């Protein structure tokens, strides 16, 4: 399969993204630090000059970040050139206003044009940085990484599924035929490029098909508890996010257990976040634990590709259970 090399359209960063906000704050403060170091002639006065710079820079900086957060969705609808001009003008205006407001009483605020120039320059420098970063994570690179990550999952997934079908092909031909139909549906999902977000409803449907195939191998040893009614099925998530976690749960939690073992899947919307939790019996460290870590790192990397700093994956092994908790922003899609 070839990777398309179409270029990434130039667009504004998502000003509502936590990673964008933190990088903006850090970058402007670094620019202020460089300016303070450049104008400093006496190292003994450097702490005082840094404090003065902070008093001048921080209020308009925070105000600009809040303003862009509130207006980001509207700015995204504008042509890129117009949006850049609006952002630069807005930052210049906010910087000038704060300079006037923070000027000592009784003195004319003559330095506001310079403050406006610094505000616009900082905004343009940030937009240039985000544009370079956006190009670095172009579709060709992101698609290549996502395809590589998916390829790590496919062999294990298909190997286990085929073994499940082979296990019943003689004893229950009709069930084996149905399983092959289910497997063909799973093949169809796996053969997709999987570059776009999928709905949580589709992910749950894929997981149910996978677990049905695993039931062929494990029978009553595999118990599954679903608690997902409180989560909207139209929530968008990275494709093939949950299946490898369920595969880990079956492989590490159910197969080593001589007794029936339960894998629990919970999902709920909490405000503007989606929380997904998977748990399974924990039997301590084993020889395959490294494979488990690879899958978890795999999911973390895809969450970073799609959500930057707004999503996180946490694990916990406690009281005989291994839990994987995923938090990600609620983005609404079209439920199947």
Foldseek 3Di string as FASTA:
>chain_A
DDFDDDWDDQFFDQLQAPVLLVVLVVLVLVVLLVVLVVPDPDPVCSVVSSVVSCVLPVPLSVVLSVVCNVCVVVLRVDPHVVSLVVSLQVQLVSSLVSLCVPDDPPDHSPCSNVSSVVRSVSSVVSSVVVRVVDRVCISRNLLVLLLVLLVVVPVVLVVLLVVLLVLCCPVPVVVSVVSVVLVVVVVVLSPDSQSFWDFQLVVVVNQVSSVVSVCSVQPQLEAEAEAEPQPDRQFTDRPPLCNVVVVCQCVAARVVDPHRWYWYWHWHDDPQKIKIKIKTFHDDDDPCVVVVVSSVVSNQVVCCSVRNPQKDWDWDDPDRMIMIMIMHGGDGHDHD
